[in-house]
Each structure stands twice: as structure tokens, then as C-alpha cells.
N, C-alpha and C. Protein backbone atom coordinates (compact mmCIF):
# COMPACT_ATOMS: atom_id res chain seq x y z
N PRO A 1 138.26 93.44 116.26
CA PRO A 1 138.87 93.33 114.94
C PRO A 1 137.81 93.54 113.86
N VAL A 2 138.25 94.11 112.77
CA VAL A 2 137.34 94.36 111.64
C VAL A 2 137.34 93.12 110.76
N LEU A 3 136.15 92.62 110.50
CA LEU A 3 136.04 91.43 109.64
C LEU A 3 135.81 91.88 108.21
N SER A 4 136.57 91.31 107.33
CA SER A 4 136.35 91.65 105.92
C SER A 4 135.33 90.67 105.35
N PRO A 5 134.56 91.11 104.38
CA PRO A 5 133.55 90.20 103.81
C PRO A 5 134.25 89.04 103.10
N PRO A 6 133.58 87.89 103.05
CA PRO A 6 134.20 86.75 102.36
C PRO A 6 134.39 87.07 100.88
N PRO A 7 135.38 86.46 100.25
CA PRO A 7 135.57 86.74 98.81
C PRO A 7 134.37 86.24 98.02
N PRO A 8 134.07 86.91 96.91
CA PRO A 8 132.92 86.46 96.10
C PRO A 8 133.21 85.05 95.56
N PRO A 9 132.15 84.25 95.37
CA PRO A 9 132.39 82.90 94.83
C PRO A 9 132.99 83.00 93.42
N SER A 10 133.86 82.06 93.12
CA SER A 10 134.47 82.11 91.78
C SER A 10 133.43 81.68 90.75
N PRO A 11 133.50 82.25 89.56
CA PRO A 11 132.50 81.90 88.53
C PRO A 11 132.71 80.44 88.10
N PRO A 12 131.63 79.80 87.62
CA PRO A 12 131.78 78.42 87.15
C PRO A 12 132.71 78.38 85.94
N PRO A 13 133.36 77.24 85.69
CA PRO A 13 134.24 77.17 84.53
C PRO A 13 133.44 77.35 83.24
N ALA A 14 134.09 77.90 82.26
CA ALA A 14 133.42 78.14 80.98
C ALA A 14 133.07 76.79 80.35
N PRO A 15 131.90 76.70 79.71
CA PRO A 15 131.53 75.44 79.06
C PRO A 15 132.46 75.17 77.88
N PRO A 16 132.62 73.90 77.48
CA PRO A 16 133.47 73.62 76.33
C PRO A 16 132.86 74.23 75.08
N PRO A 17 133.66 74.50 74.07
CA PRO A 17 133.10 75.11 72.86
C PRO A 17 132.07 74.16 72.23
N ALA A 18 131.03 74.75 71.70
CA ALA A 18 129.97 73.93 71.10
C ALA A 18 130.48 73.26 69.84
N ILE A 19 130.04 72.03 69.62
CA ILE A 19 130.39 71.33 68.38
C ILE A 19 129.52 71.92 67.28
N PRO A 20 130.12 72.29 66.16
CA PRO A 20 129.31 72.91 65.11
C PRO A 20 128.29 71.92 64.58
N PRO A 21 127.09 72.38 64.24
CA PRO A 21 126.10 71.47 63.68
C PRO A 21 126.62 70.89 62.37
N MET A 22 126.21 69.65 62.11
CA MET A 22 126.70 68.98 60.92
C MET A 22 125.57 68.82 59.92
N SER A 23 125.91 68.86 58.66
CA SER A 23 124.93 68.71 57.60
C SER A 23 125.49 67.76 56.56
N PRO A 24 124.65 66.85 56.07
CA PRO A 24 125.16 65.96 55.03
C PRO A 24 125.44 66.76 53.78
N SER A 25 126.61 66.57 53.20
CA SER A 25 126.91 67.29 51.98
C SER A 25 126.55 66.44 50.77
N THR A 26 126.84 65.15 50.85
CA THR A 26 126.59 64.27 49.72
C THR A 26 126.25 62.88 50.22
N CYS A 27 125.21 62.29 49.66
CA CYS A 27 124.88 60.90 49.92
C CYS A 27 124.91 60.16 48.58
N ILE A 28 125.56 59.02 48.58
CA ILE A 28 125.71 58.23 47.35
C ILE A 28 125.36 56.78 47.65
N ARG A 29 124.49 56.19 46.80
CA ARG A 29 124.15 54.78 46.97
C ARG A 29 125.40 53.95 46.71
N CYS A 30 125.62 52.97 47.59
CA CYS A 30 126.79 52.11 47.43
C CYS A 30 126.41 50.65 47.26
N ALA A 31 125.16 50.29 47.56
CA ALA A 31 124.72 48.90 47.38
C ALA A 31 123.19 48.85 47.39
N THR A 32 122.64 47.82 46.76
CA THR A 32 121.19 47.63 46.78
C THR A 32 120.85 46.24 47.27
N GLY A 33 119.65 46.11 47.82
CA GLY A 33 119.16 44.83 48.29
C GLY A 33 119.87 44.33 49.53
N ASP A 34 119.20 43.43 50.26
CA ASP A 34 119.87 42.73 51.35
C ASP A 34 120.77 41.72 50.68
N SER A 35 122.06 42.01 50.68
CA SER A 35 122.97 41.20 49.87
C SER A 35 124.36 41.17 50.49
N ALA A 36 125.24 40.54 49.76
CA ALA A 36 126.65 40.49 50.18
C ALA A 36 127.40 41.72 49.70
N GLU A 37 126.71 42.64 48.98
CA GLU A 37 127.38 43.85 48.52
C GLU A 37 127.84 44.64 49.75
N ALA A 38 129.08 45.08 49.71
CA ALA A 38 129.64 45.81 50.85
C ALA A 38 129.89 47.27 50.49
N CYS A 39 129.86 48.09 51.50
CA CYS A 39 130.12 49.52 51.34
C CYS A 39 131.28 49.92 52.24
N ASP A 40 132.08 50.85 51.75
CA ASP A 40 133.12 51.46 52.56
C ASP A 40 132.98 52.96 52.37
N CYS A 41 132.43 53.62 53.37
CA CYS A 41 132.13 55.05 53.26
C CYS A 41 133.29 55.94 53.72
N GLY A 42 134.46 55.36 53.95
CA GLY A 42 135.59 56.17 54.39
C GLY A 42 135.25 56.85 55.70
N LEU A 43 135.33 58.18 55.73
CA LEU A 43 135.03 58.93 56.95
C LEU A 43 133.55 59.24 57.10
N GLY A 44 132.74 58.83 56.10
CA GLY A 44 131.30 59.10 56.16
C GLY A 44 130.58 58.04 56.98
N LYS A 45 129.27 58.14 57.00
CA LYS A 45 128.43 57.21 57.75
C LYS A 45 127.63 56.38 56.74
N LEU A 46 127.43 55.11 57.05
CA LEU A 46 126.69 54.19 56.20
C LEU A 46 125.24 54.11 56.69
N PHE A 47 124.29 54.29 55.77
CA PHE A 47 122.87 54.24 56.09
C PHE A 47 122.18 53.12 55.33
N TYR A 48 121.02 52.69 55.87
CA TYR A 48 120.23 51.60 55.31
C TYR A 48 118.77 52.03 55.27
N GLY A 49 118.10 51.75 54.15
CA GLY A 49 116.69 52.11 54.06
C GLY A 49 116.08 51.57 52.78
N PRO A 50 114.81 51.86 52.55
CA PRO A 50 114.15 51.39 51.32
C PRO A 50 114.69 52.13 50.10
N GLN A 51 114.69 51.41 48.98
CA GLN A 51 115.16 52.04 47.73
C GLN A 51 114.08 52.95 47.15
N TYR A 52 112.83 52.61 47.41
CA TYR A 52 111.71 53.40 46.87
C TYR A 52 111.00 54.10 48.02
N THR A 53 110.65 55.35 47.81
CA THR A 53 110.06 56.14 48.88
C THR A 53 108.60 55.79 49.15
N ASN A 54 107.94 55.17 48.17
CA ASN A 54 106.50 54.93 48.30
C ASN A 54 106.09 53.49 48.00
N GLU A 55 106.97 52.54 48.19
CA GLU A 55 106.64 51.14 47.87
C GLU A 55 105.46 50.65 48.70
N LEU A 56 105.34 51.08 49.93
CA LEU A 56 104.23 50.61 50.76
C LEU A 56 102.91 51.31 50.42
N ASP A 57 102.99 52.41 49.66
CA ASP A 57 101.79 53.17 49.33
C ASP A 57 101.06 52.63 48.10
N THR A 58 101.78 51.95 47.21
CA THR A 58 101.16 51.44 46.00
C THR A 58 101.82 50.13 45.59
N THR A 59 101.03 49.24 45.09
CA THR A 59 101.57 47.95 44.61
C THR A 59 102.00 48.05 43.16
N ASN A 60 101.69 49.16 42.51
CA ASN A 60 102.06 49.35 41.10
C ASN A 60 103.51 49.83 41.04
N SER A 61 104.44 48.92 40.73
CA SER A 61 105.86 49.27 40.75
C SER A 61 106.24 50.35 39.75
N SER A 62 105.40 50.56 38.73
CA SER A 62 105.73 51.62 37.76
C SER A 62 105.55 53.01 38.39
N GLU A 63 104.87 53.08 39.54
CA GLU A 63 104.66 54.36 40.23
C GLU A 63 105.66 54.59 41.36
N TRP A 64 106.51 53.61 41.61
CA TRP A 64 107.46 53.75 42.71
C TRP A 64 108.48 54.83 42.40
N ILE A 65 108.85 55.58 43.41
CA ILE A 65 109.82 56.69 43.27
C ILE A 65 111.11 56.28 43.95
N VAL A 66 112.20 56.27 43.18
CA VAL A 66 113.51 55.89 43.72
C VAL A 66 114.06 57.05 44.55
N ALA A 67 114.54 56.72 45.73
CA ALA A 67 115.19 57.72 46.58
C ALA A 67 116.58 57.95 46.01
N THR A 68 116.75 59.04 45.30
CA THR A 68 118.02 59.30 44.62
C THR A 68 118.78 60.50 45.19
N THR A 69 118.09 61.45 45.78
CA THR A 69 118.80 62.63 46.31
C THR A 69 119.20 62.37 47.76
N SER A 70 120.15 63.14 48.24
CA SER A 70 120.58 63.03 49.63
C SER A 70 119.39 63.20 50.57
N GLN A 71 118.54 64.17 50.28
CA GLN A 71 117.39 64.45 51.14
C GLN A 71 116.43 63.26 51.16
N MET A 72 116.15 62.67 49.99
CA MET A 72 115.24 61.53 49.92
C MET A 72 115.83 60.33 50.65
N MET A 73 117.12 60.09 50.46
CA MET A 73 117.75 58.94 51.10
C MET A 73 117.69 59.07 52.62
N LEU A 74 118.06 60.24 53.13
CA LEU A 74 118.07 60.43 54.58
C LEU A 74 116.65 60.41 55.15
N ALA A 75 115.67 60.89 54.39
CA ALA A 75 114.29 60.91 54.87
C ALA A 75 113.74 59.49 55.03
N THR A 76 114.25 58.54 54.23
CA THR A 76 113.75 57.17 54.30
C THR A 76 114.68 56.24 55.07
N ALA A 77 115.85 56.71 55.47
CA ALA A 77 116.81 55.86 56.18
C ALA A 77 116.20 55.39 57.50
N ILE A 78 116.42 54.11 57.83
CA ILE A 78 115.92 53.58 59.09
C ILE A 78 117.05 53.05 59.96
N GLY A 79 118.23 52.84 59.35
CA GLY A 79 119.35 52.30 60.09
C GLY A 79 120.65 52.92 59.65
N TYR A 80 121.68 52.72 60.47
CA TYR A 80 123.00 53.28 60.16
C TYR A 80 124.08 52.43 60.78
N LYS A 81 125.29 52.59 60.25
CA LYS A 81 126.48 51.96 60.83
C LYS A 81 127.50 53.06 61.06
N PRO A 82 127.81 53.37 62.31
CA PRO A 82 128.76 54.45 62.59
C PRO A 82 130.13 54.21 61.97
N SER A 83 130.51 52.94 61.80
CA SER A 83 131.83 52.64 61.24
C SER A 83 131.94 53.05 59.79
N GLY A 84 130.79 53.17 59.10
CA GLY A 84 130.82 53.52 57.68
C GLY A 84 131.19 52.36 56.78
N GLN A 85 131.27 51.16 57.32
CA GLN A 85 131.68 50.00 56.52
C GLN A 85 130.79 48.81 56.82
N GLY A 86 130.56 47.98 55.79
CA GLY A 86 129.85 46.73 56.04
C GLY A 86 129.00 46.30 54.87
N LYS A 87 128.44 45.10 55.03
CA LYS A 87 127.55 44.56 54.02
C LYS A 87 126.19 45.24 54.13
N CYS A 88 125.53 45.36 52.99
CA CYS A 88 124.22 46.02 52.94
C CYS A 88 123.13 45.00 53.27
N TRP A 89 122.97 44.74 54.57
CA TRP A 89 121.97 43.79 55.02
C TRP A 89 121.67 44.12 56.47
N TYR A 90 120.41 44.25 56.82
CA TYR A 90 120.04 44.70 58.17
C TYR A 90 120.61 43.80 59.26
N LYS A 91 120.85 42.52 58.96
CA LYS A 91 121.37 41.59 59.97
C LYS A 91 122.85 41.81 60.27
N LYS A 92 123.50 42.68 59.50
CA LYS A 92 124.96 42.85 59.63
C LYS A 92 125.34 44.05 60.49
N GLY A 93 124.63 44.24 61.59
CA GLY A 93 125.06 45.24 62.58
C GLY A 93 124.53 46.64 62.39
N PHE A 94 123.50 46.82 61.56
CA PHE A 94 122.92 48.16 61.43
C PHE A 94 122.15 48.50 62.70
N LEU A 95 122.23 49.76 63.10
CA LEU A 95 121.54 50.24 64.29
C LEU A 95 120.28 51.00 63.88
N ASP A 96 119.22 50.83 64.64
CA ASP A 96 117.97 51.53 64.39
C ASP A 96 118.19 53.03 64.60
N MET A 97 117.72 53.84 63.67
CA MET A 97 117.91 55.30 63.74
C MET A 97 117.23 55.90 64.97
N ASP A 98 116.13 55.30 65.43
CA ASP A 98 115.38 55.86 66.56
C ASP A 98 115.88 55.38 67.91
N THR A 99 116.29 54.10 67.98
CA THR A 99 116.64 53.52 69.28
C THR A 99 118.13 53.31 69.48
N ASN A 100 118.90 53.31 68.39
CA ASN A 100 120.34 53.02 68.41
C ASN A 100 120.64 51.58 68.79
N PHE A 101 119.63 50.70 68.73
CA PHE A 101 119.84 49.27 68.98
C PHE A 101 119.95 48.55 67.64
N ALA A 102 120.74 47.47 67.62
CA ALA A 102 120.90 46.68 66.40
C ALA A 102 119.58 46.01 66.02
N PHE A 103 119.32 45.89 64.71
CA PHE A 103 118.12 45.22 64.25
C PHE A 103 118.16 43.72 64.56
N GLY A 104 119.36 43.14 64.58
CA GLY A 104 119.47 41.71 64.83
C GLY A 104 118.80 40.93 63.71
N ASN A 105 117.96 39.97 64.08
CA ASN A 105 117.27 39.15 63.08
C ASN A 105 115.87 39.65 62.76
N VAL A 106 115.47 40.80 63.32
CA VAL A 106 114.13 41.33 63.09
C VAL A 106 114.16 42.25 61.87
N ASP A 107 113.41 41.87 60.83
CA ASP A 107 113.38 42.66 59.59
C ASP A 107 112.75 44.02 59.88
N PRO A 108 113.50 45.12 59.70
CA PRO A 108 112.97 46.44 60.01
C PRO A 108 112.06 46.98 58.90
N LEU A 109 112.02 46.30 57.76
CA LEU A 109 111.22 46.77 56.63
C LEU A 109 110.25 45.69 56.16
N PRO A 110 109.36 45.21 57.04
CA PRO A 110 108.41 44.21 56.57
C PRO A 110 107.53 44.84 55.49
N GLY A 111 107.27 44.10 54.44
CA GLY A 111 106.46 44.64 53.35
C GLY A 111 107.31 45.25 52.24
N ILE A 112 108.58 45.46 52.47
CA ILE A 112 109.50 45.96 51.43
C ILE A 112 110.29 44.76 50.92
N GLY A 113 110.28 44.56 49.62
CA GLY A 113 111.03 43.44 49.05
C GLY A 113 112.50 43.51 49.41
N THR A 114 113.13 42.35 49.64
CA THR A 114 114.53 42.34 50.07
C THR A 114 115.46 42.94 49.02
N GLN A 115 115.07 42.91 47.76
CA GLN A 115 115.91 43.53 46.73
C GLN A 115 115.60 45.02 46.54
N ASN A 116 114.62 45.52 47.28
CA ASN A 116 114.21 46.92 47.15
C ASN A 116 114.70 47.77 48.32
N ARG A 117 115.87 47.43 48.81
CA ARG A 117 116.49 48.17 49.90
C ARG A 117 117.81 48.72 49.39
N GLN A 118 118.35 49.68 50.06
CA GLN A 118 119.61 50.26 49.61
C GLN A 118 120.46 50.70 50.79
N CYS A 119 121.75 50.78 50.51
CA CYS A 119 122.70 51.36 51.46
C CYS A 119 123.34 52.54 50.77
N PHE A 120 123.65 53.56 51.55
CA PHE A 120 124.28 54.75 50.97
C PHE A 120 125.20 55.39 51.99
N CYS A 121 126.21 56.03 51.45
CA CYS A 121 127.21 56.73 52.26
C CYS A 121 126.88 58.22 52.25
N CYS A 122 127.01 58.84 53.42
CA CYS A 122 126.86 60.29 53.50
C CYS A 122 128.10 60.87 54.16
N ASN A 123 128.66 61.88 53.54
CA ASN A 123 129.79 62.61 54.12
C ASN A 123 129.21 63.86 54.76
N TYR A 124 129.77 64.22 55.91
CA TYR A 124 129.25 65.36 56.66
C TYR A 124 130.25 66.48 56.70
N GLU A 125 129.73 67.72 56.70
CA GLU A 125 130.55 68.92 56.82
C GLU A 125 129.88 69.84 57.83
N PRO A 126 130.66 70.67 58.54
CA PRO A 126 130.03 71.63 59.45
C PRO A 126 129.12 72.58 58.68
N LEU A 127 128.00 72.93 59.28
CA LEU A 127 127.10 73.90 58.67
C LEU A 127 127.76 75.28 58.69
N ALA A 128 127.55 76.02 57.63
CA ALA A 128 128.07 77.39 57.60
C ALA A 128 127.26 78.23 58.59
N PRO A 129 127.88 79.25 59.18
CA PRO A 129 127.10 80.09 60.09
C PRO A 129 125.97 80.75 59.31
N PRO A 130 124.87 81.07 59.97
CA PRO A 130 123.76 81.68 59.24
C PRO A 130 124.17 83.00 58.62
N SER A 131 123.61 83.28 57.47
CA SER A 131 123.90 84.54 56.78
C SER A 131 123.29 85.68 57.57
N PRO A 132 123.94 86.84 57.56
CA PRO A 132 123.32 87.98 58.25
C PRO A 132 122.03 88.34 57.53
N PRO A 133 121.05 88.87 58.25
CA PRO A 133 119.80 89.23 57.59
C PRO A 133 120.05 90.32 56.56
N PHE A 134 119.24 90.31 55.52
CA PHE A 134 119.39 91.31 54.47
C PHE A 134 118.93 92.66 55.01
N LEU A 135 119.78 93.66 54.87
CA LEU A 135 119.43 95.01 55.30
C LEU A 135 119.31 95.89 54.06
N PRO A 136 118.21 96.62 53.91
CA PRO A 136 118.10 97.50 52.73
C PRO A 136 119.15 98.60 52.82
N PRO A 137 119.57 99.11 51.68
CA PRO A 137 120.59 100.18 51.72
C PRO A 137 120.07 101.40 52.48
N GLN A 138 120.95 101.99 53.26
CA GLN A 138 120.57 103.16 54.06
C GLN A 138 120.88 104.43 53.25
N PRO A 139 120.03 105.46 53.37
CA PRO A 139 120.35 106.71 52.65
C PRO A 139 121.63 107.30 53.25
N PRO A 140 122.43 107.94 52.42
CA PRO A 140 123.69 108.50 52.95
C PRO A 140 123.38 109.57 54.00
N SER A 141 124.21 109.61 55.03
CA SER A 141 124.00 110.61 56.06
C SER A 141 124.53 111.95 55.54
N PRO A 142 123.91 113.07 55.96
CA PRO A 142 124.38 114.38 55.46
C PRO A 142 125.80 114.63 55.94
N PRO A 143 126.62 115.23 55.09
CA PRO A 143 128.01 115.47 55.50
C PRO A 143 128.06 116.50 56.63
N ALA A 144 129.04 116.37 57.48
CA ALA A 144 129.22 117.33 58.58
C ALA A 144 129.67 118.65 57.98
N SER A 145 129.17 119.73 58.52
CA SER A 145 129.52 121.04 57.99
C SER A 145 130.86 121.48 58.57
N PRO A 146 131.88 121.61 57.73
CA PRO A 146 133.19 122.02 58.25
C PRO A 146 133.27 123.51 58.56
N LEU A 147 132.25 124.30 58.20
CA LEU A 147 132.31 125.74 58.37
C LEU A 147 131.97 126.18 59.79
N LEU A 148 131.29 125.33 60.57
CA LEU A 148 130.91 125.74 61.92
C LEU A 148 132.08 125.51 62.86
N PRO A 149 132.33 126.45 63.78
CA PRO A 149 133.41 126.23 64.75
C PRO A 149 132.98 125.16 65.75
N PRO A 150 133.91 124.43 66.34
CA PRO A 150 133.52 123.43 67.33
C PRO A 150 132.90 124.10 68.54
N SER A 151 132.00 123.38 69.18
CA SER A 151 131.33 123.92 70.38
C SER A 151 132.36 124.04 71.50
N PRO A 152 132.26 125.10 72.33
CA PRO A 152 133.21 125.23 73.45
C PRO A 152 132.90 124.14 74.48
N PRO A 153 133.89 123.71 75.23
CA PRO A 153 133.65 122.71 76.27
C PRO A 153 132.79 123.31 77.35
N PRO A 154 132.02 122.50 78.05
CA PRO A 154 131.18 123.08 79.13
C PRO A 154 132.06 123.65 80.22
N SER A 155 131.58 124.76 80.81
CA SER A 155 132.39 125.41 81.86
C SER A 155 132.30 124.58 83.14
N PRO A 156 133.36 124.54 83.92
CA PRO A 156 133.30 123.74 85.15
C PRO A 156 132.31 124.33 86.13
N SER A 157 131.75 123.49 86.97
CA SER A 157 130.79 123.93 88.00
C SER A 157 131.55 124.73 89.04
N PRO A 158 130.90 125.76 89.62
CA PRO A 158 131.58 126.51 90.69
C PRO A 158 131.78 125.62 91.89
N PRO A 159 132.83 125.82 92.66
CA PRO A 159 133.05 124.96 93.83
C PRO A 159 131.96 125.17 94.87
N LEU A 160 131.63 124.12 95.56
CA LEU A 160 130.61 124.19 96.60
C LEU A 160 131.24 124.79 97.86
N PRO A 161 130.50 125.61 98.58
CA PRO A 161 131.07 126.21 99.82
C PRO A 161 131.27 125.11 100.85
N LEU A 162 132.34 125.23 101.60
CA LEU A 162 132.61 124.28 102.66
C LEU A 162 131.81 124.66 103.89
N LEU A 163 131.29 123.73 104.58
CA LEU A 163 130.52 124.03 105.77
C LEU A 163 131.36 123.96 107.00
């Protein structure tokens, strides 16, 4: 009997579609200091961090820079609450940005005054696909000459002699 080859292995299932990368569109301060002030970020994420970007660098408070832009806030954020809701106080369930563990009773900002902390909400949107690279304009191609007759098709090859 003639054996047929085994069927080829079936291809692996297609991977699920990739989740589009997310980018913060807007971050807004919703509370300051370790306090009873509460934030409700709706569908956004709640973050916790220092109010001043350089408080540990200088003791002169007149030189402190307030984190006011989305980029500054996110650059200094040390904790977050996935629920987007809660009191602005590290003991109230904020998770460490690096470890994803709750801070608990351990102050994550030693050296930062308790009133010099802030909470802020960030809303996220999918990143737009990258723009195509800029291409310089191309010179126009010369127009085809309509006056030339079309080329004849190639002639068929002569048949090969049978042996």
C-alpha cells in the first residue's frame, strides 16, 4: 500500500489583538496634603506624590517648584489607586508604583512635609498610531508617449521535438 505523508501540523492560533498603548491625556490635582480630602477620578486613575518636584533638593521653600503639568505630576508620582477613588493619604490603600504593594503605615515620602503632598487624577486615551515619516515631494514622472505603438507580444517558443 502507498502511504501518504502525514498532514502538516496546524498553525498555532492567532494571538489576541494587542491592547493599544495608553497615554495620559490630562492630569488634574484633586487634593493636597495627607488629609481627609477625597478624590473621585471617575474612569481615570488616582495618583499620589509630592507637591513640589525639588523639596528634597533645597530647604529654601521659595525655590520649590510645584508639579503642575501632567508630565511633572506623573514624573513625581510614587503611588496610585486603580479604583480612582479615595482619600489623599498614603495610609488609605495607595499602591507603590514600583512594587504594586500597599504603603500601609510606612511613609513613602520621608523628608517631605505631610502638607506638601498631592493627589491627582489622570484620564487615559489610546495613543494615536505613529505618523508616517515625512517624504519629500517626488518630481513628476514623465508622461507616457501615446504616439508609440504597443510592443508586440513575445512569439511563442517552437515546440520541442519528441524523443
